[in-house]
Protein backbone atom coordinates (compact mmCIF):
# COMPACT_ATOMS: atom_id res chain seq x y z
CA MET A 1 -115.12 -127.83 -82.08
CA ARG A 2 -114.95 -124.04 -82.35
CA LYS A 3 -117.86 -123.73 -79.93
CA LEU A 4 -115.98 -125.86 -77.39
CA VAL A 5 -112.88 -123.63 -77.64
CA TRP A 6 -114.93 -120.49 -77.15
CA LEU A 7 -116.67 -122.09 -74.17
CA VAL A 8 -113.32 -122.91 -72.52
CA LEU A 9 -112.02 -119.36 -73.11
CA LEU A 10 -115.20 -117.88 -71.66
CA LEU A 11 -115.00 -120.04 -68.55
CA GLY A 12 -111.31 -119.07 -68.09
CA ALA A 13 -112.09 -115.37 -68.34
CA VAL A 14 -114.92 -115.68 -65.82
CA GLY A 15 -112.64 -117.60 -63.44
CA ALA A 16 -109.84 -115.04 -63.72
CA THR A 17 -112.26 -112.19 -63.11
CA ALA A 18 -113.71 -113.92 -60.07
CA GLY A 19 -110.24 -114.65 -58.67
CA TRP A 20 -109.10 -111.06 -59.17
CA THR A 21 -112.26 -109.79 -57.49
CA TRP A 22 -111.81 -112.14 -54.52
CA ARG A 23 -108.15 -111.15 -54.05
CA SER A 24 -109.02 -107.48 -54.24
CA LEU A 25 -111.74 -107.87 -51.64
CA ALA A 26 -109.44 -109.91 -49.39
CA ALA A 27 -106.66 -107.39 -49.76
CA GLY A 28 -109.06 -104.57 -48.97
CA LYS A 29 -110.25 -106.44 -45.89
CA ARG A 30 -106.66 -106.99 -44.70
CA ALA A 31 -105.89 -103.32 -45.30
CA ASP A 32 -108.84 -102.38 -43.12
CA SER A 33 -107.82 -104.70 -40.31
CA GLU A 34 -104.04 -105.16 -40.22
CA LEU A 35 -100.99 -103.94 -42.08
CA ALA A 36 -98.34 -106.63 -42.58
CA LEU A 37 -94.65 -105.70 -42.82
CA TYR A 38 -91.76 -108.06 -43.46
CA GLY A 39 -88.26 -108.06 -42.05
CA ASN A 40 -85.76 -109.81 -39.79
CA VAL A 41 -85.07 -109.97 -36.06
CA ASP A 42 -82.16 -107.73 -35.11
CA LEU A 43 -80.22 -106.87 -31.95
CA ARG A 44 -77.13 -104.97 -30.90
CA GLN A 45 -73.72 -106.65 -30.95
CA VAL A 46 -70.61 -105.67 -29.01
CA GLN A 47 -66.96 -106.40 -29.80
CA LEU A 48 -65.46 -106.45 -26.29
CA ALA A 49 -61.72 -105.77 -25.87
CA PHE A 50 -59.30 -104.94 -23.03
CA ASN A 51 -58.01 -101.37 -22.64
CA ASN A 52 -54.53 -102.61 -21.70
CA ASN A 53 -51.75 -104.30 -23.65
CA GLU A 54 -50.94 -107.29 -21.45
CA ARG A 55 -51.03 -111.08 -21.45
CA ILE A 56 -54.42 -112.67 -20.82
CA ALA A 57 -54.40 -114.72 -17.60
CA ALA A 58 -57.91 -116.24 -17.65
CA VAL A 59 -61.01 -116.44 -19.87
CA LEU A 60 -64.03 -117.29 -17.74
CA VAL A 61 -66.95 -117.87 -20.16
CA GLN A 62 -67.74 -119.96 -23.23
CA GLU A 63 -69.76 -119.41 -26.40
CA GLY A 64 -73.47 -119.46 -25.67
CA ASP A 65 -73.13 -118.47 -22.01
CA ARG A 66 -75.58 -115.87 -20.75
CA VAL A 67 -73.79 -113.11 -18.87
CA ARG A 68 -75.04 -110.31 -16.65
CA ARG A 69 -74.08 -106.66 -16.62
CA GLY A 70 -70.84 -106.22 -14.65
CA GLN A 71 -69.93 -109.91 -14.70
CA VAL A 72 -66.18 -110.48 -15.13
CA LEU A 73 -65.53 -112.38 -18.36
CA ALA A 74 -61.71 -112.38 -18.54
CA ARG A 75 -58.64 -111.20 -16.60
CA LEU A 76 -55.16 -109.95 -17.47
CA ASP A 77 -51.87 -110.76 -15.78
CA THR A 78 -51.24 -107.93 -13.26
CA SER A 79 -47.94 -109.13 -11.76
CA ARG A 80 -46.07 -106.13 -13.22
CA LEU A 81 -48.83 -103.58 -12.82
CA GLU A 82 -49.48 -104.10 -9.11
CA PRO A 83 -45.95 -103.03 -7.94
CA GLN A 84 -46.17 -99.93 -10.13
CA ALA A 85 -49.47 -99.00 -8.55
CA ALA A 86 -48.05 -99.56 -5.04
CA GLN A 87 -45.03 -97.36 -5.85
CA ALA A 88 -47.27 -94.57 -7.15
CA GLU A 89 -49.41 -94.75 -4.01
CA ALA A 90 -46.30 -94.48 -1.79
CA GLN A 91 -44.98 -91.48 -3.75
CA ALA A 92 -48.33 -89.74 -3.42
CA ALA A 93 -48.38 -90.42 0.34
CA ALA A 94 -44.84 -88.99 0.77
CA GLN A 95 -45.65 -85.86 -1.22
CA ARG A 96 -48.86 -85.44 0.79
CA GLN A 97 -46.78 -85.23 3.96
CA VAL A 98 -44.54 -82.58 2.36
CA VAL A 99 -47.58 -80.45 1.62
CA GLU A 100 -48.88 -80.91 5.16
CA ARG A 101 -45.51 -79.82 6.60
CA LEU A 102 -45.47 -76.69 4.46
CA HIS A 103 -49.02 -75.78 5.44
CA HIS A 104 -48.27 -76.19 9.13
CA GLY A 105 -45.19 -73.97 8.91
CA SER A 106 -42.31 -74.00 11.40
CA ARG A 107 -42.69 -75.82 14.70
CA PRO A 108 -42.36 -73.79 17.94
CA GLU A 109 -39.17 -75.69 18.75
CA GLU A 110 -37.64 -74.64 15.41
CA ILE A 111 -38.49 -71.00 16.09
CA ALA A 112 -37.01 -71.25 19.61
CA GLN A 113 -33.83 -72.77 18.20
CA ALA A 114 -33.55 -69.91 15.67
CA ARG A 115 -33.94 -67.35 18.48
CA ALA A 116 -31.24 -69.08 20.52
CA ASN A 117 -28.92 -68.93 17.53
CA VAL A 118 -29.57 -65.18 17.25
CA GLU A 119 -28.77 -64.64 20.92
CA SER A 120 -25.57 -66.64 20.58
CA ALA A 121 -24.56 -64.56 17.55
CA LYS A 122 -25.28 -61.35 19.47
CA ALA A 123 -23.02 -62.51 22.30
CA ASP A 124 -20.22 -63.32 19.87
CA ALA A 125 -20.62 -59.90 18.23
CA THR A 126 -20.51 -58.14 21.61
CA ARG A 127 -17.33 -59.97 22.64
CA ALA A 128 -15.70 -59.20 19.29
CA ARG A 129 -16.48 -55.49 19.69
CA GLN A 130 -15.10 -55.45 23.24
CA ASP A 131 -11.89 -57.13 22.09
CA MET A 132 -11.62 -54.58 19.30
CA ALA A 133 -12.02 -51.73 21.78
CA ARG A 134 -9.02 -53.03 23.77
CA PHE A 135 -7.05 -53.44 20.57
CA ASP A 136 -7.79 -49.81 19.70
CA ALA A 137 -6.34 -48.72 23.05
CA LEU A 138 -3.20 -50.86 22.73
CA LEU A 139 -2.36 -50.14 19.11
CA PRO A 140 -1.21 -46.46 19.63
CA LYS A 141 1.09 -47.64 22.43
CA LYS A 142 2.58 -50.20 20.09
CA ALA A 143 1.73 -52.82 22.69
CA LEU A 144 -0.14 -54.93 20.11
CA PRO A 145 1.15 -56.33 16.83
CA ARG A 146 -0.57 -55.01 13.75
CA ALA A 147 -1.51 -58.51 12.65
CA ASP A 148 -3.43 -59.16 15.89
CA TYR A 149 -5.25 -55.87 15.42
CA ASP A 150 -6.30 -56.87 11.90
CA LEU A 151 -7.50 -60.25 13.17
CA GLY A 152 -9.60 -58.57 15.81
CA LYS A 153 -11.17 -56.27 13.24
CA ALA A 154 -12.01 -59.24 11.00
CA ALA A 155 -13.54 -61.06 13.97
CA VAL A 156 -15.89 -58.10 14.50
CA ASP A 157 -16.98 -58.21 10.89
CA MET A 158 -17.51 -61.99 11.00
CA ALA A 159 -19.57 -61.77 14.19
CA ALA A 160 -21.79 -59.08 12.65
CA ALA A 161 -22.35 -61.19 9.52
CA LYS A 162 -23.15 -64.29 11.61
CA LEU A 163 -25.66 -62.30 13.62
CA GLN A 164 -27.34 -61.11 10.41
CA VAL A 165 -27.54 -64.67 9.03
CA ASN A 166 -29.14 -66.01 12.19
CA GLN A 167 -31.56 -63.09 12.34
CA LYS A 168 -32.74 -63.83 8.78
CA ALA A 169 -33.15 -67.52 9.64
CA LEU A 170 -35.33 -66.53 12.59
CA ASP A 171 -37.43 -64.27 10.38
CA LEU A 172 -37.98 -67.11 7.86
CA ALA A 173 -38.93 -69.54 10.62
CA VAL A 174 -41.50 -67.09 11.97
CA ILE A 175 -42.96 -66.22 8.53
CA GLY A 176 -43.12 -69.85 7.35
CA PRO A 177 -42.87 -71.29 3.81
CA ARG A 178 -43.40 -69.12 0.74
CA ALA A 179 -46.73 -69.36 -1.06
CA GLU A 180 -44.87 -70.36 -4.22
CA ASP A 181 -43.22 -73.33 -2.43
CA ILE A 182 -46.59 -74.50 -1.16
CA ALA A 183 -48.12 -74.21 -4.66
CA GLN A 184 -45.22 -76.17 -6.16
CA ALA A 185 -45.57 -78.93 -3.57
CA GLU A 186 -49.32 -79.12 -4.13
CA ALA A 187 -48.82 -79.38 -7.90
CA GLN A 188 -46.35 -82.23 -7.40
CA LEU A 189 -48.89 -83.93 -5.14
CA ARG A 190 -51.60 -83.66 -7.80
CA ALA A 191 -49.22 -85.21 -10.33
CA CYS A 192 -48.46 -88.12 -7.99
CA GLU A 193 -52.15 -88.68 -7.26
CA ALA A 194 -53.01 -88.59 -10.97
CA GLN A 195 -50.37 -91.24 -11.69
CA ALA A 196 -51.73 -93.38 -8.87
CA ARG A 197 -55.30 -93.03 -10.22
CA LEU A 198 -54.13 -94.00 -13.70
CA LEU A 199 -52.49 -97.17 -12.42
CA ARG A 200 -55.52 -98.02 -10.28
CA GLN A 201 -57.70 -97.66 -13.38
CA GLN A 202 -55.36 -99.89 -15.33
CA LEU A 203 -55.70 -102.48 -12.58
CA ALA A 204 -59.49 -102.19 -12.79
CA ASP A 205 -59.31 -102.48 -16.60
CA ALA A 206 -57.41 -105.75 -16.18
CA GLN A 207 -60.82 -107.31 -15.51
CA LEU A 208 -63.04 -107.39 -18.61
CA ALA A 209 -66.68 -106.99 -17.55
CA ALA A 210 -69.89 -107.36 -19.53
CA PRO A 211 -71.41 -103.94 -20.38
CA ALA A 212 -74.98 -105.32 -20.35
CA ASP A 213 -76.98 -108.54 -20.13
CA ALA A 214 -75.92 -110.51 -23.19
CA VAL A 215 -75.06 -113.85 -24.77
CA VAL A 216 -71.48 -114.74 -25.69
CA ARG A 217 -71.51 -115.25 -29.46
CA THR A 218 -67.80 -115.80 -30.03
CA ARG A 219 -64.80 -116.40 -27.76
CA ILE A 220 -62.03 -114.92 -29.89
CA MET A 221 -58.91 -114.96 -27.67
CA GLU A 222 -57.50 -117.47 -25.20
CA PRO A 223 -55.28 -117.35 -22.07
CA GLY A 224 -51.64 -116.63 -22.90
CA GLU A 225 -52.38 -114.35 -25.84
CA MET A 226 -51.48 -110.65 -25.73
CA SER A 227 -54.45 -108.32 -25.41
CA SER A 228 -54.86 -105.03 -27.23
CA PRO A 229 -57.60 -102.38 -27.48
CA GLN A 230 -57.77 -103.22 -31.20
CA LYS A 231 -58.21 -107.00 -30.65
CA PRO A 232 -61.64 -108.09 -29.30
CA VAL A 233 -61.72 -110.93 -26.81
CA PHE A 234 -65.47 -111.62 -27.14
CA SER A 235 -68.34 -110.89 -29.45
CA LEU A 236 -71.51 -110.34 -27.40
CA ALA A 237 -75.14 -110.22 -28.49
CA ILE A 238 -77.17 -107.88 -26.29
CA THR A 239 -80.53 -109.58 -25.80
CA ASP A 240 -82.53 -106.58 -24.64
CA PRO A 241 -83.86 -104.75 -26.52
CA LYS A 242 -84.68 -106.85 -29.59
CA TRP A 243 -86.43 -105.47 -32.63
CA VAL A 244 -87.58 -106.37 -36.11
CA ARG A 245 -86.10 -104.31 -38.91
CA ALA A 246 -89.04 -104.14 -41.33
CA TYR A 247 -89.95 -101.95 -44.30
CA VAL A 248 -93.13 -100.10 -45.22
CA SER A 249 -94.09 -98.81 -48.66
CA GLU A 250 -94.89 -95.14 -49.24
CA PRO A 251 -98.69 -95.66 -49.65
CA ASP A 252 -98.82 -97.32 -46.19
CA LEU A 253 -96.40 -94.89 -44.53
CA GLY A 254 -99.21 -92.67 -43.26
CA HIS A 255 -100.60 -95.55 -41.19
CA VAL A 256 -97.35 -96.11 -39.24
CA HIS A 257 -96.05 -93.89 -36.45
CA PRO A 258 -93.66 -94.34 -33.51
CA GLY A 259 -95.29 -95.68 -30.37
CA MET A 260 -98.12 -97.61 -32.02
CA ALA A 261 -98.71 -101.18 -30.85
CA ALA A 262 -97.61 -104.12 -33.00
CA SER A 263 -97.39 -107.90 -32.96
CA VAL A 264 -94.71 -110.10 -34.48
CA THR A 265 -94.69 -113.66 -35.79
CA VAL A 266 -91.83 -115.88 -36.91
CA ASP A 267 -91.82 -119.19 -38.77
CA SER A 268 -90.47 -121.08 -35.74
CA PHE A 269 -93.60 -120.19 -33.72
CA PRO A 270 -96.37 -119.83 -36.32
CA ASP A 271 -99.18 -119.94 -33.76
CA ARG A 272 -97.73 -117.28 -31.47
CA ARG A 273 -97.56 -113.51 -31.63
CA PHE A 274 -94.97 -111.50 -29.76
CA ASP A 275 -96.10 -108.12 -28.44
CA GLY A 276 -94.18 -105.05 -29.56
CA TRP A 277 -94.34 -101.43 -30.58
CA VAL A 278 -92.99 -99.17 -33.31
CA GLY A 279 -89.89 -97.41 -32.04
CA PHE A 280 -88.53 -95.75 -35.18
CA VAL A 281 -89.65 -94.82 -38.68
CA SER A 282 -86.89 -93.75 -41.07
CA PRO A 283 -87.27 -90.30 -42.66
CA VAL A 284 -85.33 -91.47 -45.73
CA ALA A 285 -86.57 -93.81 -48.47
CA GLU A 286 -84.46 -96.69 -49.78
CA PHE A 287 -84.83 -99.68 -52.09
CA THR A 288 -86.09 -102.85 -50.46
CA PRO A 289 -83.12 -104.94 -49.23
CA LYS A 290 -82.78 -108.24 -51.04
CA ALA A 291 -82.67 -110.18 -47.77
CA VAL A 292 -86.24 -109.17 -46.89
CA GLN A 293 -89.08 -111.35 -48.18
CA THR A 294 -91.89 -109.01 -49.23
CA GLU A 295 -94.84 -109.11 -51.52
CA GLU A 296 -93.69 -105.93 -53.23
CA LEU A 297 -91.22 -105.61 -56.06
CA ARG A 298 -87.56 -105.50 -55.08
CA THR A 299 -87.15 -102.14 -56.77
CA SER A 300 -89.89 -100.49 -54.68
CA LEU A 301 -88.93 -97.53 -52.52
CA VAL A 302 -89.66 -98.27 -48.86
CA TYR A 303 -89.00 -96.79 -45.41
CA GLU A 304 -87.28 -98.69 -42.63
CA VAL A 305 -89.37 -99.35 -39.51
CA ARG A 306 -87.87 -100.60 -36.26
CA VAL A 307 -90.41 -102.58 -34.21
CA PHE A 308 -89.27 -103.46 -30.69
CA VAL A 309 -90.33 -106.89 -29.42
CA LYS A 310 -90.91 -108.29 -25.94
CA ASP A 311 -89.14 -111.65 -25.68
CA PRO A 312 -88.82 -112.59 -21.98
CA ALA A 313 -88.15 -116.26 -22.79
CA GLU A 314 -85.26 -115.37 -25.18
CA GLU A 315 -86.76 -117.35 -28.05
CA LEU A 316 -86.09 -114.96 -30.92
CA ARG A 317 -82.71 -115.23 -32.64
CA LEU A 318 -80.70 -112.80 -34.71
CA GLY A 319 -81.69 -112.82 -38.39
CA MET A 320 -84.99 -114.72 -38.05
CA PRO A 321 -87.43 -113.75 -40.82
CA ALA A 322 -90.39 -112.07 -39.14
CA THR A 323 -93.76 -110.58 -40.04
CA VAL A 324 -95.00 -107.49 -38.24
CA TYR A 325 -98.72 -106.82 -37.95
CA LEU A 326 -99.95 -103.30 -37.30
CA ALA A 327 -103.53 -102.21 -36.68
CA PRO A 328 -103.82 -98.73 -38.23
CA ALA A 329 -107.48 -98.39 -37.26
CA ALA A 330 -106.84 -99.05 -33.58
CA MET A 331 -103.81 -96.72 -33.46
CA GLY A 332 -102.78 -98.31 -30.16
CA SER A 333 -99.64 -97.22 -28.37
CA ALA A 334 -97.05 -99.05 -26.34
CA PRO A 335 -96.70 -98.23 -22.62
CA GLU A 336 -94.60 -95.19 -21.83
CA ASP A 337 -91.90 -97.19 -20.05
CA ASP A 338 -91.45 -99.49 -23.06
CA ARG A 339 -91.19 -96.63 -25.54
CA ARG A 340 -88.35 -95.07 -23.54
CA ARG A 341 -86.18 -98.18 -23.91
């Protein structure tokens, strides 16, 4: 009986040794050919909101719809904003004409009118002086009341002042507007144009457009609700680029570098490999995330690797578990155009 027990123990030890040797050789062979990393498919997500606070008039897409860059996804009610924009445009147009008038200066007809006023004032001053000369001759003879003499003297003074006023008006018409007046009018014009641009931008912002090619993940708000920059209307998943967020252990870190070629597999398509390339290797170590299925211990220190994937048929989904295969010996690189993405 004891011999049988020893025989069983011996056979078990031989089997364990053979299994360990086979796994070591297989692991060494895999290390020479491909390096396998484990992670999940990832992509960028956008919370899309209006810039304006206004009531939503229309929502044009549903969950799951594929949208293109620049496509209008929703619209706001602009019934109050459009008259404000029209008013600002009219004010800017009126102020623009004021600036043009100041730059052009006085018209020839205005200058001619000012000269005619000066000549008329000169004639009045001449007549007043002539009347005063007669009054001076009559006053010593007591042939003129003193009151009439005083009125004549005042008329001379008034005619001289009127002539001076008209002469200054002619000078201003010839010189044209002051530089300060022109600068003030131009500043007011810039303010009017800035207000008009702001309202035009608010009108443009009343249409919510897709920032990139994407898929609508969630339709959060509906027509009739009040929009706000803090309240997203849609959650979008940007489908290009896609990548796998994988992790590499420190002993294998020297075999991974940005730009090297890679291939990716997922459980949904076990017989297919998606082409890709390494786009980023983290410079900072971290503990393996619990969501990643790896063959290493959860407490191992690893480095994040971002592997971009070509998925023209849009078959990969956010969060899919994925395996990345790298060929350290080949040290292949992705095309230059792909690495720039």
